[in-house]
C-alpha atoms as a PDB file:
ATOM      1  CA  UNK A   1      21.642 -10.941  21.260  1.00  0.00           C
ATOM      2  CA  UNK A   2      19.593 -13.738  19.742  1.00  0.00           C
ATOM      3  CA  UNK A   3      18.965 -13.595  16.001  1.00  0.00           C
ATOM      4  CA  UNK A   4      15.149 -13.374  15.270  1.00  0.00           C
ATOM      5  CA  UNK A   5      13.789 -16.461  13.472  1.00  0.00           C
ATOM      6  CA  UNK A   6      12.365 -14.191  10.835  1.00  0.00           C
ATOM      7  CA  UNK A   7      15.965 -13.266   9.868  1.00  0.00           C
ATOM      8  CA  UNK A   8      16.608 -16.994   8.954  1.00  0.00           C
ATOM      9  CA  UNK A   9      13.484 -17.006   6.738  1.00  0.00           C
ATOM     10  CA  UNK A  10      14.504 -13.668   5.234  1.00  0.00           C
ATOM     11  CA  UNK A  11      17.977 -15.176   4.464  1.00  0.00           C
ATOM     12  CA  UNK A  12      16.243 -17.932   2.490  1.00  0.00           C
ATOM     13  CA  UNK A  13      14.412 -15.286   0.421  1.00  0.00           C
ATOM     14  CA  UNK A  14      17.634 -13.457  -0.318  1.00  0.00           C
ATOM     15  CA  UNK A  15      19.423 -16.671  -1.237  1.00  0.00           C
ATOM     16  CA  UNK A  16      16.614 -17.667  -3.612  1.00  0.00           C
ATOM     17  CA  UNK A  17      16.692 -14.175  -5.205  1.00  0.00           C
ATOM     18  CA  UNK A  18      20.561 -14.346  -5.465  1.00  0.00           C
ATOM     19  CA  UNK A  19      20.295 -17.748  -7.172  1.00  0.00           C
ATOM     20  CA  UNK A  20      17.741 -16.386  -9.572  1.00  0.00           C
ATOM     21  CA  UNK A  21      19.973 -13.442 -10.442  1.00  0.00           C
ATOM     22  CA  UNK A  22      23.207 -15.331 -10.838  1.00  0.00           C
ATOM     23  CA  UNK A  23      21.863 -18.209 -12.842  1.00  0.00           C
ATOM     24  CA  UNK A  24      19.497 -16.000 -14.880  1.00  0.00           C
ATOM     25  CA  UNK A  25      16.520 -18.112 -13.976  1.00  0.00           C
ATOM     26  CA  UNK A  26      12.988 -17.039 -13.051  1.00  0.00           C
ATOM     27  CA  UNK A  27      11.418 -19.095 -10.329  1.00  0.00           C
ATOM     28  CA  UNK A  28       8.218 -17.097 -10.564  1.00  0.00           C
ATOM     29  CA  UNK A  29       6.531 -20.068 -12.233  1.00  0.00           C
ATOM     30  CA  UNK A  30       6.812 -21.824  -8.839  1.00  0.00           C
ATOM     31  CA  UNK A  31       4.537 -19.193  -7.298  1.00  0.00           C
ATOM     32  CA  UNK A  32       0.807 -19.596  -6.959  1.00  0.00           C
ATOM     33  CA  UNK A  33      -1.103 -20.134 -10.201  1.00  0.00           C
ATOM     34  CA  UNK A  34      -4.737 -19.767  -9.242  1.00  0.00           C
ATOM     35  CA  UNK A  35      -7.120 -22.685  -9.800  1.00  0.00           C
ATOM     36  CA  UNK A  36      -4.485 -24.859 -11.379  1.00  0.00           C
ATOM     37  CA  UNK A  37      -3.538 -28.155  -9.629  1.00  0.00           C
ATOM     38  CA  UNK A  38       0.179 -27.678 -10.376  1.00  0.00           C
ATOM     39  CA  UNK A  39      -0.118 -24.047  -9.290  1.00  0.00           C
ATOM     40  CA  UNK A  40      -1.215 -25.147  -5.840  1.00  0.00           C
ATOM     41  CA  UNK A  41       2.392 -26.073  -5.074  1.00  0.00           C
ATOM     42  CA  UNK A  42       3.099 -22.425  -5.040  1.00  0.00           C
ATOM     43  CA  UNK A  43       0.936 -22.011  -1.863  1.00  0.00           C
ATOM     44  CA  UNK A  44       4.046 -23.157   0.060  1.00  0.00           C
ATOM     45  CA  UNK A  45       6.766 -21.697  -2.227  1.00  0.00           C
ATOM     46  CA  UNK A  46       5.396 -18.285  -3.177  1.00  0.00           C
ATOM     47  CA  UNK A  47       6.522 -16.439  -0.052  1.00  0.00           C
ATOM     48  CA  UNK A  48      10.201 -17.348  -0.667  1.00  0.00           C
ATOM     49  CA  UNK A  49      10.247 -16.383  -4.387  1.00  0.00           C
ATOM     50  CA  UNK A  50      10.194 -12.748  -5.502  1.00  0.00           C
ATOM     51  CA  UNK A  51       9.832 -11.038  -8.897  1.00  0.00           C
ATOM     52  CA  UNK A  52      13.126  -9.184  -8.634  1.00  0.00           C
ATOM     53  CA  UNK A  53      15.338  -7.356  -6.155  1.00  0.00           C
ATOM     54  CA  UNK A  54      12.994  -4.401  -5.596  1.00  0.00           C
ATOM     55  CA  UNK A  55      10.120  -6.764  -4.799  1.00  0.00           C
ATOM     56  CA  UNK A  56      12.322  -8.534  -2.286  1.00  0.00           C
ATOM     57  CA  UNK A  57      13.710  -5.284  -0.759  1.00  0.00           C
ATOM     58  CA  UNK A  58      10.174  -3.878  -0.328  1.00  0.00           C
ATOM     59  CA  UNK A  59       9.154  -6.995   1.638  1.00  0.00           C
ATOM     60  CA  UNK A  60      12.341  -7.459   3.651  1.00  0.00           C
ATOM     61  CA  UNK A  61      12.224  -4.858   6.451  1.00  0.00           C
ATOM     62  CA  UNK A  62       8.521  -5.237   7.260  1.00  0.00           C
ATOM     63  CA  UNK A  63       8.884  -8.975   7.180  1.00  0.00           C
ATOM     64  CA  UNK A  64      11.798  -8.878   9.637  1.00  0.00           C
ATOM     65  CA  UNK A  65      10.216  -6.254  12.013  1.00  0.00           C
ATOM     66  CA  UNK A  66       6.650  -7.759  12.052  1.00  0.00           C
ATOM     67  CA  UNK A  67       7.986 -11.303  12.309  1.00  0.00           C
ATOM     68  CA  UNK A  68      10.260 -10.281  15.212  1.00  0.00           C
ATOM     69  CA  UNK A  69       7.283  -8.674  16.929  1.00  0.00           C
ATOM     70  CA  UNK A  70       5.354 -11.872  16.691  1.00  0.00           C
ATOM     71  CA  UNK A  71       8.320 -13.790  17.986  1.00  0.00           C
ATOM     72  CA  UNK A  72       8.519 -11.464  20.944  1.00  0.00           C
ATOM     73  CA  UNK A  73       5.208 -13.011  22.002  1.00  0.00           C
ATOM     74  CA  UNK A  74       6.487 -16.530  21.712  1.00  0.00           C
ATOM     75  CA  UNK A  75       8.736 -18.462  19.293  1.00  0.00           C
ATOM     76  CA  UNK A  76       6.226 -21.254  18.787  1.00  0.00           C
ATOM     77  CA  UNK A  77       3.520 -18.669  17.924  1.00  0.00           C
ATOM     78  CA  UNK A  78       5.935 -17.187  15.231  1.00  0.00           C
ATOM     79  CA  UNK A  79       6.376 -20.492  13.551  1.00  0.00           C
ATOM     80  CA  UNK A  80       2.665 -21.539  13.803  1.00  0.00           C
ATOM     81  CA  UNK A  81       1.596 -18.052  12.539  1.00  0.00           C
ATOM     82  CA  UNK A  82       4.091 -18.274   9.670  1.00  0.00           C
ATOM     83  CA  UNK A  83       2.861 -21.738   8.624  1.00  0.00           C
ATOM     84  CA  UNK A  84      -0.903 -21.026   8.939  1.00  0.00           C
ATOM     85  CA  UNK A  85      -0.763 -17.486   7.428  1.00  0.00           C
ATOM     86  CA  UNK A  86       1.248 -18.930   4.486  1.00  0.00           C
ATOM     87  CA  UNK A  87      -1.301 -21.756   3.966  1.00  0.00           C
ATOM     88  CA  UNK A  88      -4.530 -19.668   4.392  1.00  0.00           C
ATOM     89  CA  UNK A  89      -3.227 -16.728   2.419  1.00  0.00           C
ATOM     90  CA  UNK A  90      -1.852 -18.970  -0.282  1.00  0.00           C
ATOM     91  CA  UNK A  91      -5.157 -20.844  -0.482  1.00  0.00           C
ATOM     92  CA  UNK A  92      -7.098 -17.629  -0.770  1.00  0.00           C
ATOM     93  CA  UNK A  93      -4.820 -16.427  -3.548  1.00  0.00           C
ATOM     94  CA  UNK A  94      -5.109 -19.756  -5.290  1.00  0.00           C
ATOM     95  CA  UNK A  95      -8.874 -19.691  -5.097  1.00  0.00           C
ATOM     96  CA  UNK A  96      -9.554 -16.091  -5.982  1.00  0.00           C
ATOM     97  CA  UNK A  97      -6.398 -14.626  -7.635  1.00  0.00           C
ATOM     98  CA  UNK A  98      -6.076 -13.524 -11.212  1.00  0.00           C
ATOM     99  CA  UNK A  99      -4.714 -16.104 -13.717  1.00  0.00           C
ATOM    100  CA  UNK A 100      -1.031 -15.086 -13.361  1.00  0.00           C
ATOM    101  CA  UNK A 101       1.781 -16.388 -11.097  1.00  0.00           C
ATOM    102  CA  UNK A 102       1.666 -14.822  -7.607  1.00  0.00           C
ATOM    103  CA  UNK A 103       4.895 -14.809  -5.697  1.00  0.00           C
ATOM    104  CA  UNK A 104       6.464 -12.844  -2.829  1.00  0.00           C
ATOM    105  CA  UNK A 105       6.172 -12.416   0.864  1.00  0.00           C
ATOM    106  CA  UNK A 106       3.735  -9.581   0.938  1.00  0.00           C
ATOM    107  CA  UNK A 107       0.746 -11.753   1.739  1.00  0.00           C
ATOM    108  CA  UNK A 108       2.730 -13.147   4.730  1.00  0.00           C
ATOM    109  CA  UNK A 109       3.851  -9.640   5.727  1.00  0.00           C
ATOM    110  CA  UNK A 110       0.285  -8.417   5.684  1.00  0.00           C
ATOM    111  CA  UNK A 111      -0.762 -11.517   7.573  1.00  0.00           C
ATOM    112  CA  UNK A 112       1.767 -10.808  10.270  1.00  0.00           C
ATOM    113  CA  UNK A 113       0.514  -7.208  10.493  1.00  0.00           C
ATOM    114  CA  UNK A 114      -3.175  -8.358  10.692  1.00  0.00           C
ATOM    115  CA  UNK A 115      -2.230 -10.969  13.229  1.00  0.00           C
ATOM    116  CA  UNK A 116      -0.736  -8.385  15.509  1.00  0.00           C
ATOM    117  CA  UNK A 117      -3.692  -6.137  15.252  1.00  0.00           C
ATOM    118  CA  UNK A 118      -6.251  -8.881  15.720  1.00  0.00           C
ATOM    119  CA  UNK A 119      -4.233 -10.409  18.551  1.00  0.00           C
ATOM    120  CA  UNK A 120      -4.268  -7.064  20.491  1.00  0.00           C
ATOM    121  CA  UNK A 121      -8.002  -6.941  19.901  1.00  0.00           C
ATOM    122  CA  UNK A 122      -8.675 -10.441  21.069  1.00  0.00           C
ATOM    123  CA  UNK A 123      -6.114 -10.717  23.934  1.00  0.00           C
ATOM    124  CA  UNK A 124      -6.492  -7.171  25.226  1.00  0.00           C
ATOM    125  CA  UNK A 125      -3.243  -7.526  27.143  1.00  0.00           C
ATOM    126  CA  UNK A 126      -0.771  -4.691  27.771  1.00  0.00           C
ATOM    127  CA  UNK A 127       2.035  -6.544  25.902  1.00  0.00           C
ATOM    128  CA  UNK A 128      -0.181  -7.200  22.838  1.00  0.00           C
ATOM    129  CA  UNK A 129      -1.214  -3.497  22.834  1.00  0.00           C
ATOM    130  CA  UNK A 130       2.297  -2.300  23.049  1.00  0.00           C
ATOM    131  CA  UNK A 131       3.440  -4.659  20.318  1.00  0.00           C
ATOM    132  CA  UNK A 132       0.550  -3.615  17.948  1.00  0.00           C
ATOM    133  CA  UNK A 133       1.391   0.086  18.757  1.00  0.00           C
ATOM    134  CA  UNK A 134       4.820  -0.477  17.328  1.00  0.00           C
ATOM    135  CA  UNK A 135       3.419  -2.220  14.248  1.00  0.00           C
ATOM    136  CA  UNK A 136       0.862   0.534  13.615  1.00  0.00           C
ATOM    137  CA  UNK A 137       3.462   3.355  14.068  1.00  0.00           C
ATOM    138  CA  UNK A 138       5.712   1.851  11.531  1.00  0.00           C
ATOM    139  CA  UNK A 139       3.119   0.187   9.189  1.00  0.00           C
ATOM    140  CA  UNK A 140      -0.180   1.830   9.798  1.00  0.00           C
ATOM    141  CA  UNK A 141      -0.355   2.645   6.103  1.00  0.00           C
ATOM    142  CA  UNK A 142      -0.621  -0.984   5.134  1.00  0.00           C
ATOM    143  CA  UNK A 143      -4.345  -0.644   5.317  1.00  0.00           C
ATOM    144  CA  UNK A 144      -4.272   1.345   2.053  1.00  0.00           C
ATOM    145  CA  UNK A 145      -2.605  -1.610   0.328  1.00  0.00           C
ATOM    146  CA  UNK A 146      -6.019  -3.085   0.105  1.00  0.00           C
ATOM    147  CA  UNK A 147      -6.974  -0.385  -2.397  1.00  0.00           C
ATOM    148  CA  UNK A 148      -4.000  -0.962  -4.702  1.00  0.00           C
ATOM    149  CA  UNK A 149      -5.597  -2.870  -7.579  1.00  0.00           C
ATOM    150  CA  UNK A 150      -2.947  -2.284 -10.176  1.00  0.00           C
ATOM    151  CA  UNK A 151      -2.729  -5.265 -12.514  1.00  0.00           C
ATOM    152  CA  UNK A 152       0.782  -6.270 -11.515  1.00  0.00           C
ATOM    153  CA  UNK A 153      -0.023  -6.111  -7.772  1.00  0.00           C
ATOM    154  CA  UNK A 154      -1.614  -9.171  -6.162  1.00  0.00           C
ATOM    155  CA  UNK A 155      -4.209  -7.338  -4.160  1.00  0.00           C
ATOM    156  CA  UNK A 156      -5.951 -10.639  -3.589  1.00  0.00           C
ATOM    157  CA  UNK A 157      -2.743 -12.006  -2.067  1.00  0.00           C
ATOM    158  CA  UNK A 158      -2.607  -8.935   0.197  1.00  0.00           C
ATOM    159  CA  UNK A 159      -6.280  -9.274   1.202  1.00  0.00           C
ATOM    160  CA  UNK A 160      -5.884 -13.042   1.685  1.00  0.00           C
ATOM    161  CA  UNK A 161      -2.881 -12.333   3.936  1.00  0.00           C
ATOM    162  CA  UNK A 162      -4.887  -9.908   6.110  1.00  0.00           C
ATOM    163  CA  UNK A 163      -7.737 -12.407   6.344  1.00  0.00           C
ATOM    164  CA  UNK A 164      -5.264 -15.185   7.227  1.00  0.00           C
ATOM    165  CA  UNK A 165      -3.673 -13.029   9.932  1.00  0.00           C
ATOM    166  CA  UNK A 166      -7.040 -12.302  11.543  1.00  0.00           C
ATOM    167  CA  UNK A 167      -8.057 -16.064  11.381  1.00  0.00           C
ATOM    168  CA  UNK A 168      -4.802 -17.186  12.916  1.00  0.00           C
ATOM    169  CA  UNK A 169      -5.068 -14.572  15.718  1.00  0.00           C
ATOM    170  CA  UNK A 170      -8.639 -15.729  16.465  1.00  0.00           C
ATOM    171  CA  UNK A 171      -7.508 -19.425  16.551  1.00  0.00           C
ATOM    172  CA  UNK A 172      -4.613 -18.433  18.892  1.00  0.00           C
ATOM    173  CA  UNK A 173      -7.001 -16.414  21.173  1.00  0.00           C
ATOM    174  CA  UNK A 174      -9.439 -19.385  21.312  1.00  0.00           C
ATOM    175  CA  UNK A 175      -6.550 -21.738  22.232  1.00  0.00           C
ATOM    176  CA  UNK A 176      -5.356 -19.372  25.015  1.00  0.00           C
ATOM    177  CA  UNK A 177      -8.864 -19.185  26.604  1.00  0.00           C
ATOM    178  CA  UNK A 178      -9.184 -23.037  26.452  1.00  0.00           C
ATOM    179  CA  UNK A 179      -5.647 -23.700  27.762  1.00  0.00           C
END
């Protein structure tokens, strides 16, 4: 059985969290700090840094499952979706987020989720519909995350992830119709 590529990325997240715990350092300041030039570096780093073990654990299973579902379409799509969702969601968080450090993979997770839903909508293929059915059975409640506006939750990161997933699915659908 082939190891899903999402598992390799998840391993990076766990290694980063392990290093933070063992060395008693907080890498959260390498997350996204909205509207700050130095905070823009966090756009690429934020998904791999978490604010503690529970934060990482809550992101791990959906990241692995949804990432694997995207990879089941195509490995290249997985890597492109990961890169572009990270960039678009991170930019949205950087532009519109609260003035605190934003870190964690939840924007990417929600981007994966939205990508699968939008891809099924745009592609209308049996495979895409089956894949999104799995995503909705396990994670249909993700829709309600948009309404979680507690101060310590990056709802703009979640929303930016969903918007990013839809944009990436639309770009993918357009490239499929042209190619």
